[in-house]
C-alpha atoms as a PDB file:
ATOM      1  CA  MET A   1       7.625 -33.923 -17.181  1.00  0.00           C
ATOM      2  CA  LEU A   2       4.853 -33.153 -14.697  1.00  0.00           C
ATOM      3  CA  ARG A   3       5.573 -30.739 -11.866  1.00  0.00           C
ATOM      4  CA  PRO A   4       3.142 -30.304  -8.943  1.00  0.00           C
ATOM      5  CA  ILE A   5       2.132 -26.704  -8.291  1.00  0.00           C
ATOM      6  CA  THR A   6      -0.401 -24.813  -6.191  1.00  0.00           C
ATOM      7  CA  SER A   7      -2.433 -23.418  -9.120  1.00  0.00           C
ATOM      8  CA  VAL A   8      -2.529 -23.287 -12.913  1.00  0.00           C
ATOM      9  CA  GLU A   9      -2.615 -19.978 -14.797  1.00  0.00           C
ATOM     10  CA  ILE A  10      -6.161 -19.469 -16.045  1.00  0.00           C
ATOM     11  CA  MET A  11      -5.146 -18.523 -19.607  1.00  0.00           C
ATOM     12  CA  MET A  12      -4.306 -22.111 -20.560  1.00  0.00           C
ATOM     13  CA  PRO A  13      -5.474 -24.658 -18.009  1.00  0.00           C
ATOM     14  CA  GLY A  14      -6.092 -28.313 -18.585  1.00  0.00           C
ATOM     15  CA  TYR A  15      -8.673 -29.984 -16.374  1.00  0.00           C
ATOM     16  CA  SER A  16      -9.784 -33.543 -15.889  1.00  0.00           C
ATOM     17  CA  ARG A  17     -13.518 -33.920 -16.378  1.00  0.00           C
ATOM     18  CA  ASP A  18     -13.973 -34.422 -12.642  1.00  0.00           C
ATOM     19  CA  SER A  19     -11.899 -31.412 -11.579  1.00  0.00           C
ATOM     20  CA  PHE A  20     -13.516 -29.190 -14.204  1.00  0.00           C
ATOM     21  CA  SER A  21     -17.012 -30.126 -13.030  1.00  0.00           C
ATOM     22  CA  ARG A  22     -15.992 -29.165  -9.466  1.00  0.00           C
ATOM     23  CA  CYS A  23     -14.209 -25.929 -10.417  1.00  0.00           C
ATOM     24  CA  ILE A  24     -16.670 -24.558 -12.974  1.00  0.00           C
ATOM     25  CA  GLN A  25     -19.284 -24.129 -10.255  1.00  0.00           C
ATOM     26  CA  GLU A  26     -17.140 -21.312  -8.842  1.00  0.00           C
ATOM     27  CA  PHE A  27     -16.339 -19.567 -12.159  1.00  0.00           C
ATOM     28  CA  PRO A  28     -19.142 -16.985 -11.748  1.00  0.00           C
ATOM     29  CA  ARG A  29     -17.189 -15.553  -8.793  1.00  0.00           C
ATOM     30  CA  SER A  30     -14.834 -13.870 -11.287  1.00  0.00           C
ATOM     31  CA  LEU A  31     -16.052 -12.558 -14.617  1.00  0.00           C
ATOM     32  CA  SER A  32     -12.552 -11.265 -15.401  1.00  0.00           C
ATOM     33  CA  GLY A  33     -10.926 -14.609 -14.620  1.00  0.00           C
ATOM     34  CA  TRP A  34      -8.707 -13.101 -11.927  1.00  0.00           C
ATOM     35  CA  GLY A  35      -8.472 -15.455  -8.951  1.00  0.00           C
ATOM     36  CA  LEU A  36      -9.896 -18.492 -10.719  1.00  0.00           C
ATOM     37  CA  ASP A  37      -6.436 -20.041 -11.038  1.00  0.00           C
ATOM     38  CA  ILE A  38      -5.868 -19.790  -7.294  1.00  0.00           C
ATOM     39  CA  LEU A  39      -9.404 -20.952  -6.505  1.00  0.00           C
ATOM     40  CA  SER A  40      -9.208 -23.910  -8.916  1.00  0.00           C
ATOM     41  CA  GLY A  41      -5.897 -24.973  -7.378  1.00  0.00           C
ATOM     42  CA  TYR A  42      -7.463 -24.792  -3.922  1.00  0.00           C
ATOM     43  CA  ILE A  43     -10.477 -26.876  -4.986  1.00  0.00           C
ATOM     44  CA  VAL A  44      -8.298 -29.537  -6.617  1.00  0.00           C
ATOM     45  CA  ARG A  45      -5.927 -29.685  -3.621  1.00  0.00           C
ATOM     46  CA  GLU A  46      -8.204 -29.221  -0.646  1.00  0.00           C
ATOM     47  CA  LYS A  47     -11.588 -30.474  -1.829  1.00  0.00           C
ATOM     48  CA  MET A  48     -10.481 -33.281  -4.140  1.00  0.00           C
ATOM     49  CA  GLY A  49      -7.221 -34.305  -2.445  1.00  0.00           C
ATOM     50  CA  LEU A  50      -5.226 -33.998  -5.677  1.00  0.00           C
ATOM     51  CA  LEU A  51      -2.359 -31.819  -6.851  1.00  0.00           C
ATOM     52  CA  PRO A  52      -2.518 -29.584  -9.904  1.00  0.00           C
ATOM     53  CA  HIS A  53       0.458 -30.055 -12.228  1.00  0.00           C
ATOM     54  CA  VAL A  54       2.250 -28.213 -14.986  1.00  0.00           C
ATOM     55  CA  ILE A  55       3.314 -30.146 -18.064  1.00  0.00           C
ATOM     56  CA  ASP A  56       6.752 -28.655 -18.562  1.00  0.00           C
ATOM     57  CA  SER A  57       7.004 -29.696 -22.208  1.00  0.00           C
ATOM     58  CA  VAL A  58       3.960 -27.542 -23.079  1.00  0.00           C
ATOM     59  CA  GLN A  59       4.702 -23.836 -23.073  1.00  0.00           C
ATOM     60  CA  ALA A  60       2.748 -20.744 -24.033  1.00  0.00           C
ATOM     61  CA  THR A  61       3.847 -17.167 -24.416  1.00  0.00           C
ATOM     62  CA  HIS A  62       1.714 -14.055 -24.490  1.00  0.00           C
ATOM     63  CA  SER A  63       2.058 -12.548 -27.964  1.00  0.00           C
ATOM     64  CA  LYS A  64       1.881  -9.070 -26.421  1.00  0.00           C
ATOM     65  CA  PRO A  65       2.504  -7.765 -22.914  1.00  0.00           C
ATOM     66  CA  VAL A  66      -0.575  -7.896 -20.681  1.00  0.00           C
ATOM     67  CA  ASP A  67      -1.778  -4.304 -20.432  1.00  0.00           C
ATOM     68  CA  THR A  68      -4.324  -3.917 -17.644  1.00  0.00           C
ATOM     69  CA  ASN A  69      -4.568  -0.154 -18.237  1.00  0.00           C
ATOM     70  CA  ASN A  70      -5.026   0.308 -21.979  1.00  0.00           C
ATOM     71  CA  SER A  71      -6.255  -2.955 -23.514  1.00  0.00           C
ATOM     72  CA  LEU A  72      -9.763  -3.240 -24.929  1.00  0.00           C
ATOM     73  CA  TYR A  73     -10.494  -6.191 -22.660  1.00  0.00           C
ATOM     74  CA  TYR A  74      -9.733  -4.305 -19.460  1.00  0.00           C
ATOM     75  CA  HIS A  75     -11.579  -1.207 -20.699  1.00  0.00           C
ATOM     76  CA  PHE A  76     -14.584  -3.436 -21.407  1.00  0.00           C
ATOM     77  CA  LEU A  77     -14.452  -4.880 -17.878  1.00  0.00           C
ATOM     78  CA  LEU A  78     -14.166  -1.479 -16.242  1.00  0.00           C
ATOM     79  CA  ASP A  79     -16.931  -0.036 -18.440  1.00  0.00           C
ATOM     80  CA  HIS A  80     -19.173  -2.798 -17.075  1.00  0.00           C
ATOM     81  CA  GLY A  81     -18.188  -2.207 -13.448  1.00  0.00           C
ATOM     82  CA  ILE A  82     -15.945  -5.258 -13.220  1.00  0.00           C
ATOM     83  CA  ASN A  83     -12.698  -4.719 -11.331  1.00  0.00           C
ATOM     84  CA  PRO A  84     -10.361  -7.715 -11.744  1.00  0.00           C
ATOM     85  CA  GLN A  85      -8.328  -6.896  -8.637  1.00  0.00           C
ATOM     86  CA  THR A  86     -11.499  -6.702  -6.549  1.00  0.00           C
ATOM     87  CA  GLU A  87     -12.619 -10.081  -7.887  1.00  0.00           C
ATOM     88  CA  LEU A  88      -9.245 -11.605  -6.983  1.00  0.00           C
ATOM     89  CA  ASP A  89      -9.317 -10.004  -3.523  1.00  0.00           C
ATOM     90  CA  ASP A  90     -12.897 -11.166  -2.893  1.00  0.00           C
ATOM     91  CA  ILE A  91     -12.052 -14.774  -3.807  1.00  0.00           C
ATOM     92  CA  CYS A  92      -8.948 -14.752  -1.631  1.00  0.00           C
ATOM     93  CA  THR A  93     -10.849 -13.257   1.303  1.00  0.00           C
ATOM     94  CA  PHE A  94     -13.857 -15.591   1.008  1.00  0.00           C
ATOM     95  CA  PHE A  95     -11.738 -18.748   0.798  1.00  0.00           C
ATOM     96  CA  SER A  96      -8.824 -17.488   2.992  1.00  0.00           C
ATOM     97  CA  LEU A  97      -6.364 -17.890   0.106  1.00  0.00           C
ATOM     98  CA  LYS A  98      -3.121 -16.120  -0.745  1.00  0.00           C
ATOM     99  CA  PRO A  99      -2.711 -14.813  -4.302  1.00  0.00           C
ATOM    100  CA  GLU A 100       0.408 -16.760  -5.185  1.00  0.00           C
ATOM    101  CA  ILE A 101       1.300 -19.632  -7.466  1.00  0.00           C
ATOM    102  CA  SER A 102       4.325 -21.757  -6.712  1.00  0.00           C
ATOM    103  CA  SER A 103       5.862 -25.163  -7.195  1.00  0.00           C
ATOM    104  CA  ILE A 104       5.260 -27.688  -4.435  1.00  0.00           C
END
């Protein structure tokens, strides 16, 4: 079953070729990935006139809790001066978006 939503979590998105070609242009705004889900949803909704959807029969689970303080990934980002929260905030401010994902 497809369910319309505002954005798709960036860890496992599925894009049409057209929506991907529109969204990928903005990917450099966030090296961490934070905010790209919200921004992609905005582009698909507002710029393309479509709705992102979740395929309810496809599910994914993190194999470990997301640890933004102690994981190697987040240490790598911080060591390179990349702050995920700042990237998310900057995207939301620039595009006047709210950092939330919900069903429509």
